[in-house]
């Protein structure tokens, strides 16, 4: 199992960055299946101006694994249809 720092998908779908190409090479070589999640996150981020790239990555991973609930203080997830945000008050 490999834990992936959030900067890898951020370089792939966020603003232009010198590490974008390197991140793409790493993802292609190490995680060929997960590449679909990064592509989906890019679609989500581009079509939803109110969501950050990081939120888009979370949603793409949730969709791929049929996860409908997220534990978060981030209210932006409330705007995404089909996701239920669990929060502590």
PDB file of N, CA and C in Angstrom:
ATOM      1  N   UNK A   1       0.839  -1.161   0.000  1.00  0.00           N
ATOM      2  CA  UNK A   1       0.000   0.000   0.000  1.00  0.00           C
ATOM      3  C   UNK A   1       0.895   1.238   0.000  1.00  0.00           C
ATOM      4  N   UNK A   2       0.490   2.235  -0.750  1.00  0.00           N
ATOM      5  CA  UNK A   2       1.236   3.484  -0.842  1.00  0.00           C
ATOM      6  C   UNK A   2       0.293   4.623  -0.485  1.00  0.00           C
ATOM      7  N   UNK A   3       0.702   5.454   0.462  1.00  0.00           N
ATOM      8  CA  UNK A   3      -0.061   6.657   0.778  1.00  0.00           C
ATOM      9  C   UNK A   3       0.416   7.746  -0.172  1.00  0.00           C
ATOM     10  N   UNK A   4      -0.509   8.384  -0.854  1.00  0.00           N
ATOM     11  CA  UNK A   4      -0.169   9.409  -1.834  1.00  0.00           C
ATOM     12  C   UNK A   4      -0.441  10.786  -1.237  1.00  0.00           C
ATOM     13  N   UNK A   5       0.581  11.609  -1.183  1.00  0.00           N
ATOM     14  CA  UNK A   5       0.422  12.977  -0.715  1.00  0.00           C
ATOM     15  C   UNK A   5      -0.579  13.693  -1.624  1.00  0.00           C
ATOM     16  N   UNK A   6      -1.381  14.554  -1.047  1.00  0.00           N
ATOM     17  CA  UNK A   6      -2.404  15.258  -1.827  1.00  0.00           C
ATOM     18  C   UNK A   6      -1.796  16.162  -2.896  1.00  0.00           C
ATOM     19  N   UNK A   7      -0.510  16.468  -2.807  1.00  0.00           N
ATOM     20  CA  UNK A   7       0.056  17.344  -3.831  1.00  0.00           C
ATOM     21  C   UNK A   7       0.133  16.662  -5.202  1.00  0.00           C
ATOM     22  N   UNK A   8       0.159  15.339  -5.241  1.00  0.00           N
ATOM     23  CA  UNK A   8       0.223  14.648  -6.546  1.00  0.00           C
ATOM     24  C   UNK A   8      -1.028  14.939  -7.374  1.00  0.00           C
ATOM     25  N   UNK A   9      -2.238  14.632  -6.888  1.00  0.00           N
ATOM     26  CA  UNK A   9      -3.407  14.972  -7.704  1.00  0.00           C
ATOM     27  C   UNK A   9      -3.593  16.477  -7.891  1.00  0.00           C
ATOM     28  N   UNK A  10      -3.131  17.275  -6.923  1.00  0.00           N
ATOM     29  CA  UNK A  10      -3.265  18.726  -7.057  1.00  0.00           C
ATOM     30  C   UNK A  10      -2.445  19.226  -8.249  1.00  0.00           C
ATOM     31  N   UNK A  11      -1.239  18.678  -8.421  1.00  0.00           N
ATOM     32  CA  UNK A  11      -0.426  19.076  -9.567  1.00  0.00           C
ATOM     33  C   UNK A  11      -1.092  18.655 -10.879  1.00  0.00           C
ATOM     34  N   UNK A  12      -1.809  17.553 -10.853  1.00  0.00           N
ATOM     35  CA  UNK A  12      -2.433  17.061 -12.076  1.00  0.00           C
ATOM     36  C   UNK A  12      -3.648  17.870 -12.496  1.00  0.00           C
ATOM     37  N   UNK A  13      -4.446  18.317 -11.546  1.00  0.00           N
ATOM     38  CA  UNK A  13      -5.696  18.987 -11.924  1.00  0.00           C
ATOM     39  C   UNK A  13      -5.764  20.437 -11.489  1.00  0.00           C
ATOM     40  N   UNK A  14      -4.812  20.899 -10.714  1.00  0.00           N
ATOM     41  CA  UNK A  14      -4.820  22.286 -10.259  1.00  0.00           C
ATOM     42  C   UNK A  14      -4.231  23.219 -11.309  1.00  0.00           C
ATOM     43  N   UNK A  15      -3.853  24.394 -10.848  1.00  0.00           N
ATOM     44  CA  UNK A  15      -3.245  25.388 -11.737  1.00  0.00           C
ATOM     45  C   UNK A  15      -1.930  24.840 -12.309  1.00  0.00           C
ATOM     46  N   UNK A  16      -1.506  25.423 -13.399  1.00  0.00           N
ATOM     47  CA  UNK A  16      -0.251  24.991 -14.038  1.00  0.00           C
ATOM     48  C   UNK A  16       0.888  25.004 -13.025  1.00  0.00           C
ATOM     49  N   UNK A  17       1.725  23.972 -13.090  1.00  0.00           N
ATOM     50  CA  UNK A  17       2.821  23.846 -12.136  1.00  0.00           C
ATOM     51  C   UNK A  17       3.961  23.066 -12.785  1.00  0.00           C
ATOM     52  N   UNK A  18       5.221  23.377 -12.436  1.00  0.00           N
ATOM     53  CA  UNK A  18       6.357  22.651 -13.012  1.00  0.00           C
ATOM     54  C   UNK A  18       6.339  21.141 -12.738  1.00  0.00           C
ATOM     55  N   UNK A  19       5.675  20.705 -11.677  1.00  0.00           N
ATOM     56  CA  UNK A  19       5.639  19.273 -11.359  1.00  0.00           C
ATOM     57  C   UNK A  19       4.509  18.509 -12.051  1.00  0.00           C
ATOM     58  N   UNK A  20       3.702  19.188 -12.841  1.00  0.00           N
ATOM     59  CA  UNK A  20       2.562  18.516 -13.481  1.00  0.00           C
ATOM     60  C   UNK A  20       3.002  17.318 -14.322  1.00  0.00           C
ATOM     61  N   UNK A  21       3.992  17.496 -15.169  1.00  0.00           N
ATOM     62  CA  UNK A  21       4.456  16.400 -16.024  1.00  0.00           C
ATOM     63  C   UNK A  21       5.023  15.255 -15.193  1.00  0.00           C
ATOM     64  N   UNK A  22       5.825  15.587 -14.194  1.00  0.00           N
ATOM     65  CA  UNK A  22       6.388  14.550 -13.318  1.00  0.00           C
ATOM     66  C   UNK A  22       5.288  13.785 -12.596  1.00  0.00           C
ATOM     67  N   UNK A  23       4.285  14.497 -12.113  1.00  0.00           N
ATOM     68  CA  UNK A  23       3.180  13.842 -11.413  1.00  0.00           C
ATOM     69  C   UNK A  23       2.435  12.903 -12.360  1.00  0.00           C
ATOM     70  N   UNK A  24       2.244  13.321 -13.600  1.00  0.00           N
ATOM     71  CA  UNK A  24       1.546  12.482 -14.577  1.00  0.00           C
ATOM     72  C   UNK A  24       2.328  11.202 -14.860  1.00  0.00           C
ATOM     73  N   UNK A  25       3.646  11.324 -14.996  1.00  0.00           N
ATOM     74  CA  UNK A  25       4.491  10.147 -15.238  1.00  0.00           C
ATOM     75  C   UNK A  25       4.388   9.174 -14.068  1.00  0.00           C
ATOM     76  N   UNK A  26       4.449   9.688 -12.850  1.00  0.00           N
ATOM     77  CA  UNK A  26       4.351   8.834 -11.662  1.00  0.00           C
ATOM     78  C   UNK A  26       3.010   8.118 -11.624  1.00  0.00           C
ATOM     79  N   UNK A  27       1.941   8.852 -11.823  1.00  0.00           N
ATOM     80  CA  UNK A  27       0.604   8.244 -11.778  1.00  0.00           C
ATOM     81  C   UNK A  27       0.457   7.186 -12.865  1.00  0.00           C
ATOM     82  N   UNK A  28       0.923   7.485 -14.064  1.00  0.00           N
ATOM     83  CA  UNK A  28       0.823   6.525 -15.167  1.00  0.00           C
ATOM     84  C   UNK A  28       1.599   5.241 -14.879  1.00  0.00           C
ATOM     85  N   UNK A  29       2.765   5.363 -14.274  1.00  0.00           N
ATOM     86  CA  UNK A  29       3.604   4.195 -14.009  1.00  0.00           C
ATOM     87  C   UNK A  29       3.166   3.395 -12.789  1.00  0.00           C
ATOM     88  N   UNK A  30       2.791   4.094 -11.731  1.00  0.00           N
ATOM     89  CA  UNK A  30       2.527   3.424 -10.461  1.00  0.00           C
ATOM     90  C   UNK A  30       1.057   3.096 -10.257  1.00  0.00           C
ATOM     91  N   UNK A  31       0.176   3.952 -10.752  1.00  0.00           N
ATOM     92  CA  UNK A  31      -1.259   3.794 -10.478  1.00  0.00           C
ATOM     93  C   UNK A  31      -2.086   3.870 -11.755  1.00  0.00           C
ATOM     94  N   UNK A  32      -1.920   2.958 -12.664  1.00  0.00           N
ATOM     95  CA  UNK A  32      -2.654   3.079 -13.929  1.00  0.00           C
ATOM     96  C   UNK A  32      -4.167   3.053 -13.768  1.00  0.00           C
ATOM     97  N   UNK A  33      -4.691   2.367 -12.784  1.00  0.00           N
ATOM     98  CA  UNK A  33      -6.144   2.303 -12.610  1.00  0.00           C
ATOM     99  C   UNK A  33      -6.662   3.577 -11.972  1.00  0.00           C
ATOM    100  N   UNK A  34      -5.968   4.090 -10.966  1.00  0.00           N
ATOM    101  CA  UNK A  34      -6.405   5.271 -10.262  1.00  0.00           C
ATOM    102  C   UNK A  34      -6.385   6.524 -11.139  1.00  0.00           C
ATOM    103  N   UNK A  35      -5.759   6.415 -12.295  1.00  0.00           N
ATOM    104  CA  UNK A  35      -5.714   7.539 -13.219  1.00  0.00           C
ATOM    105  C   UNK A  35      -7.134   7.995 -13.568  1.00  0.00           C
ATOM    106  N   UNK A  36      -8.082   7.076 -13.591  1.00  0.00           N
ATOM    107  CA  UNK A  36      -9.468   7.428 -13.884  1.00  0.00           C
ATOM    108  C   UNK A  36     -10.025   8.380 -12.829  1.00  0.00           C
ATOM    109  N   UNK A  37      -9.627   8.196 -11.576  1.00  0.00           N
ATOM    110  CA  UNK A  37     -10.095   9.089 -10.518  1.00  0.00           C
ATOM    111  C   UNK A  37      -9.560  10.501 -10.728  1.00  0.00           C
ATOM    112  N   UNK A  38      -8.317  10.606 -11.130  1.00  0.00           N
ATOM    113  CA  UNK A  38      -7.727  11.924 -11.366  1.00  0.00           C
ATOM    114  C   UNK A  38      -8.438  12.604 -12.532  1.00  0.00           C
ATOM    115  N   UNK A  39      -8.728  11.855 -13.589  1.00  0.00           N
ATOM    116  CA  UNK A  39      -9.450  12.420 -14.733  1.00  0.00           C
ATOM    117  C   UNK A  39     -10.834  12.890 -14.315  1.00  0.00           C
ATOM    118  N   UNK A  40     -11.521  12.075 -13.537  1.00  0.00           N
ATOM    119  CA  UNK A  40     -12.857  12.448 -13.065  1.00  0.00           C
ATOM    120  C   UNK A  40     -12.781  13.679 -12.163  1.00  0.00           C
ATOM    121  N   UNK A  41     -11.775  13.745 -11.307  1.00  0.00           N
ATOM    122  CA  UNK A  41     -11.606  14.913 -10.442  1.00  0.00           C
ATOM    123  C   UNK A  41     -11.417  16.177 -11.283  1.00  0.00           C
ATOM    124  N   UNK A  42     -10.670  16.063 -12.361  1.00  0.00           N
ATOM    125  CA  UNK A  42     -10.490  17.196 -13.260  1.00  0.00           C
ATOM    126  C   UNK A  42     -11.804  17.655 -13.861  1.00  0.00           C
ATOM    127  N   UNK A  43     -12.630  16.705 -14.273  1.00  0.00           N
ATOM    128  CA  UNK A  43     -13.955  17.040 -14.808  1.00  0.00           C
ATOM    129  C   UNK A  43     -14.805  17.747 -13.757  1.00  0.00           C
ATOM    130  N   UNK A  44     -14.812  17.201 -12.547  1.00  0.00           N
ATOM    131  CA  UNK A  44     -15.608  17.780 -11.462  1.00  0.00           C
ATOM    132  C   UNK A  44     -15.139  19.204 -11.176  1.00  0.00           C
ATOM    133  N   UNK A  45     -13.834  19.402 -11.049  1.00  0.00           N
ATOM    134  CA  UNK A  45     -13.288  20.719 -10.715  1.00  0.00           C
ATOM    135  C   UNK A  45     -13.586  21.747 -11.808  1.00  0.00           C
ATOM    136  N   UNK A  46     -13.525  21.339 -13.063  1.00  0.00           N
ATOM    137  CA  UNK A  46     -13.771  22.272 -14.155  1.00  0.00           C
ATOM    138  C   UNK A  46     -15.243  22.641 -14.274  1.00  0.00           C
ATOM    139  N   UNK A  47     -16.119  21.717 -13.950  1.00  0.00           N
ATOM    140  CA  UNK A  47     -17.550  21.959 -14.104  1.00  0.00           C
ATOM    141  C   UNK A  47     -18.205  22.548 -12.864  1.00  0.00           C
ATOM    142  N   UNK A  48     -17.506  22.579 -11.774  1.00  0.00           N
ATOM    143  CA  UNK A  48     -18.061  23.109 -10.524  1.00  0.00           C
ATOM    144  C   UNK A  48     -17.107  24.152  -9.961  1.00  0.00           C
ATOM    145  N   UNK A  49     -17.327  25.393 -10.323  1.00  0.00           N
ATOM    146  CA  UNK A  49     -16.431  26.464  -9.881  1.00  0.00           C
ATOM    147  C   UNK A  49     -16.414  26.615  -8.360  1.00  0.00           C
ATOM    148  N   UNK A  50     -17.434  26.117  -7.678  1.00  0.00           N
ATOM    149  CA  UNK A  50     -17.508  26.287  -6.230  1.00  0.00           C
ATOM    150  C   UNK A  50     -16.738  25.222  -5.459  1.00  0.00           C
ATOM    151  N   UNK A  51     -16.208  24.228  -6.145  1.00  0.00           N
ATOM    152  CA  UNK A  51     -15.458  23.166  -5.478  1.00  0.00           C
ATOM    153  C   UNK A  51     -13.966  23.334  -5.734  1.00  0.00           C
ATOM    154  N   UNK A  52     -13.180  23.096  -4.703  1.00  0.00           N
ATOM    155  CA  UNK A  52     -11.731  23.144  -4.878  1.00  0.00           C
ATOM    156  C   UNK A  52     -11.263  21.873  -5.592  1.00  0.00           C
ATOM    157  N   UNK A  53     -10.051  21.905  -6.098  1.00  0.00           N
ATOM    158  CA  UNK A  53      -9.480  20.715  -6.730  1.00  0.00           C
ATOM    159  C   UNK A  53      -9.375  19.581  -5.718  1.00  0.00           C
ATOM    160  N   UNK A  54      -9.046  19.913  -4.487  1.00  0.00           N
ATOM    161  CA  UNK A  54      -8.938  18.893  -3.435  1.00  0.00           C
ATOM    162  C   UNK A  54     -10.299  18.231  -3.182  1.00  0.00           C
ATOM    163  N   UNK A  55     -11.366  19.036  -3.107  1.00  0.00           N
ATOM    164  CA  UNK A  55     -12.704  18.474  -2.915  1.00  0.00           C
ATOM    165  C   UNK A  55     -13.080  17.586  -4.106  1.00  0.00           C
ATOM    166  N   UNK A  56     -12.704  18.013  -5.291  1.00  0.00           N
ATOM    167  CA  UNK A  56     -13.002  17.224  -6.493  1.00  0.00           C
ATOM    168  C   UNK A  56     -12.322  15.863  -6.444  1.00  0.00           C
ATOM    169  N   UNK A  57     -11.092  15.821  -5.943  1.00  0.00           N
ATOM    170  CA  UNK A  57     -10.394  14.537  -5.801  1.00  0.00           C
ATOM    171  C   UNK A  57     -11.145  13.646  -4.820  1.00  0.00           C
ATOM    172  N   UNK A  58     -11.561  14.221  -3.688  1.00  0.00           N
ATOM    173  CA  UNK A  58     -12.310  13.429  -2.705  1.00  0.00           C
ATOM    174  C   UNK A  58     -13.586  12.854  -3.322  1.00  0.00           C
ATOM    175  N   UNK A  59     -14.305  13.676  -4.057  1.00  0.00           N
ATOM    176  CA  UNK A  59     -15.565  13.232  -4.662  1.00  0.00           C
ATOM    177  C   UNK A  59     -15.303  12.149  -5.705  1.00  0.00           C
ATOM    178  N   UNK A  60     -14.279  12.302  -6.516  1.00  0.00           N
ATOM    179  CA  UNK A  60     -13.965  11.290  -7.529  1.00  0.00           C
ATOM    180  C   UNK A  60     -13.634   9.950  -6.882  1.00  0.00           C
ATOM    181  N   UNK A  61     -12.859   9.969  -5.813  1.00  0.00           N
ATOM    182  CA  UNK A  61     -12.532   8.722  -5.106  1.00  0.00           C
ATOM    183  C   UNK A  61     -13.793   8.120  -4.499  1.00  0.00           C
ATOM    184  N   UNK A  62     -14.627   8.969  -3.905  1.00  0.00           N
ATOM    185  CA  UNK A  62     -15.876   8.478  -3.320  1.00  0.00           C
ATOM    186  C   UNK A  62     -16.761   7.833  -4.384  1.00  0.00           C
ATOM    187  N   UNK A  63     -16.880   8.482  -5.534  1.00  0.00           N
ATOM    188  CA  UNK A  63     -17.702   7.923  -6.618  1.00  0.00           C
ATOM    189  C   UNK A  63     -17.180   6.563  -7.059  1.00  0.00           C
ATOM    190  N   UNK A  64     -15.885   6.461  -7.229  1.00  0.00           N
ATOM    191  CA  UNK A  64     -15.288   5.208  -7.717  1.00  0.00           C
ATOM    192  C   UNK A  64     -15.539   4.048  -6.763  1.00  0.00           C
ATOM    193  N   UNK A  65     -15.584   4.359  -5.470  1.00  0.00           N
ATOM    194  CA  UNK A  65     -15.763   3.316  -4.462  1.00  0.00           C
ATOM    195  C   UNK A  65     -17.177   3.282  -3.889  1.00  0.00           C
ATOM    196  N   UNK A  66     -18.105   3.972  -4.555  1.00  0.00           N
ATOM    197  CA  UNK A  66     -19.518   4.011  -4.154  1.00  0.00           C
ATOM    198  C   UNK A  66     -19.694   4.438  -2.697  1.00  0.00           C
ATOM    199  N   UNK A  67     -18.933   5.430  -2.283  1.00  0.00           N
ATOM    200  CA  UNK A  67     -19.035   5.980  -0.932  1.00  0.00           C
ATOM    201  C   UNK A  67     -19.955   7.197  -0.997  1.00  0.00           C
ATOM    202  N   UNK A  68     -20.983   7.203  -0.171  1.00  0.00           N
ATOM    203  CA  UNK A  68     -21.978   8.263  -0.223  1.00  0.00           C
ATOM    204  C   UNK A  68     -21.882   9.254   0.932  1.00  0.00           C
ATOM    205  N   UNK A  69     -21.075   8.953   1.948  1.00  0.00           N
ATOM    206  CA  UNK A  69     -20.966   9.813   3.127  1.00  0.00           C
ATOM    207  C   UNK A  69     -19.525  10.236   3.331  1.00  0.00           C
ATOM    208  N   UNK A  70     -19.364  11.470   3.822  1.00  0.00           N
ATOM    209  CA  UNK A  70     -18.040  11.984   4.138  1.00  0.00           C
ATOM    210  C   UNK A  70     -18.100  12.694   5.485  1.00  0.00           C
ATOM    211  N   UNK A  71     -17.109  12.457   6.310  1.00  0.00           N
ATOM    212  CA  UNK A  71     -16.978  13.145   7.589  1.00  0.00           C
ATOM    213  C   UNK A  71     -16.101  14.365   7.346  1.00  0.00           C
ATOM    214  N   UNK A  72     -16.708  15.545   7.434  1.00  0.00           N
ATOM    215  CA  UNK A  72     -15.975  16.762   7.087  1.00  0.00           C
ATOM    216  C   UNK A  72     -16.667  17.984   7.670  1.00  0.00           C
ATOM    217  N   UNK A  73     -15.878  19.003   7.972  1.00  0.00           N
ATOM    218  CA  UNK A  73     -16.424  20.304   8.342  1.00  0.00           C
ATOM    219  C   UNK A  73     -16.624  21.182   7.102  1.00  0.00           C
ATOM    220  N   UNK A  74     -16.189  20.707   5.951  1.00  0.00           N
ATOM    221  CA  UNK A  74     -16.235  21.465   4.708  1.00  0.00           C
ATOM    222  C   UNK A  74     -17.653  21.457   4.144  1.00  0.00           C
ATOM    223  N   UNK A  75     -18.316  22.583   4.212  1.00  0.00           N
ATOM    224  CA  UNK A  75     -19.721  22.691   3.759  1.00  0.00           C
ATOM    225  C   UNK A  75     -19.863  22.624   2.244  1.00  0.00           C
ATOM    226  N   UNK A  76     -18.763  22.744   1.518  1.00  0.00           N
ATOM    227  CA  UNK A  76     -18.851  22.650   0.060  1.00  0.00           C
ATOM    228  C   UNK A  76     -19.410  21.298  -0.383  1.00  0.00           C
ATOM    229  N   UNK A  77     -19.173  20.257   0.404  1.00  0.00           N
ATOM    230  CA  UNK A  77     -19.695  18.936   0.046  1.00  0.00           C
ATOM    231  C   UNK A  77     -21.216  18.885   0.096  1.00  0.00           C
ATOM    232  N   UNK A  78     -21.840  19.807   0.834  1.00  0.00           N
ATOM    233  CA  UNK A  78     -23.297  19.852   0.905  1.00  0.00           C
ATOM    234  C   UNK A  78     -23.919  20.180  -0.445  1.00  0.00           C
ATOM    235  N   UNK A  79     -23.160  20.831  -1.303  1.00  0.00           N
ATOM    236  CA  UNK A  79     -23.673  21.215  -2.623  1.00  0.00           C
ATOM    237  C   UNK A  79     -23.555  20.106  -3.659  1.00  0.00           C
ATOM    238  N   UNK A  80     -22.878  19.030  -3.326  1.00  0.00           N
ATOM    239  CA  UNK A  80     -22.686  17.956  -4.306  1.00  0.00           C
ATOM    240  C   UNK A  80     -23.827  16.956  -4.173  1.00  0.00           C
ATOM    241  N   UNK A  81     -24.602  16.750  -5.233  1.00  0.00           N
ATOM    242  CA  UNK A  81     -25.747  15.835  -5.144  1.00  0.00           C
ATOM    243  C   UNK A  81     -25.304  14.395  -4.871  1.00  0.00           C
ATOM    244  N   UNK A  82     -26.032  13.751  -3.981  1.00  0.00           N
ATOM    245  CA  UNK A  82     -25.774  12.347  -3.683  1.00  0.00           C
ATOM    246  C   UNK A  82     -24.778  12.097  -2.585  1.00  0.00           C
ATOM    247  N   UNK A  83     -24.189  13.153  -2.035  1.00  0.00           N
ATOM    248  CA  UNK A  83     -23.236  12.992  -0.935  1.00  0.00           C
ATOM    249  C   UNK A  83     -23.853  13.525   0.343  1.00  0.00           C
ATOM    250  N   UNK A  84     -23.715  12.767   1.384  1.00  0.00           N
ATOM    251  CA  UNK A  84     -24.185  13.166   2.701  1.00  0.00           C
ATOM    252  C   UNK A  84     -22.984  13.473   3.558  1.00  0.00           C
ATOM    253  N   UNK A  85     -22.931  14.712   4.054  1.00  0.00           N
ATOM    254  CA  UNK A  85     -21.809  15.132   4.891  1.00  0.00           C
ATOM    255  C   UNK A  85     -22.160  14.907   6.357  1.00  0.00           C
ATOM    256  N   UNK A  86     -21.321  14.140   7.031  1.00  0.00           N
ATOM    257  CA  UNK A  86     -21.458  13.902   8.460  1.00  0.00           C
ATOM    258  C   UNK A  86     -20.569  14.921   9.158  1.00  0.00           C
ATOM    259  N   UNK A  87     -21.095  15.578  10.160  1.00  0.00           N
ATOM    260  CA  UNK A  87     -20.292  16.571  10.857  1.00  0.00           C
ATOM    261  C   UNK A  87     -20.614  16.545  12.343  1.00  0.00           C
ATOM    262  N   UNK A  88     -19.654  16.885  13.121  1.00  0.00           N
ATOM    263  CA  UNK A  88     -19.851  16.993  14.564  1.00  0.00           C
ATOM    264  C   UNK A  88     -20.130  18.448  14.881  1.00  0.00           C
ATOM    265  N   UNK A  89     -21.051  18.679  15.779  1.00  0.00           N
ATOM    266  CA  UNK A  89     -21.392  20.055  16.156  1.00  0.00           C
ATOM    267  C   UNK A  89     -20.847  20.351  17.527  1.00  0.00           C
TER     268      UNK A  89
END
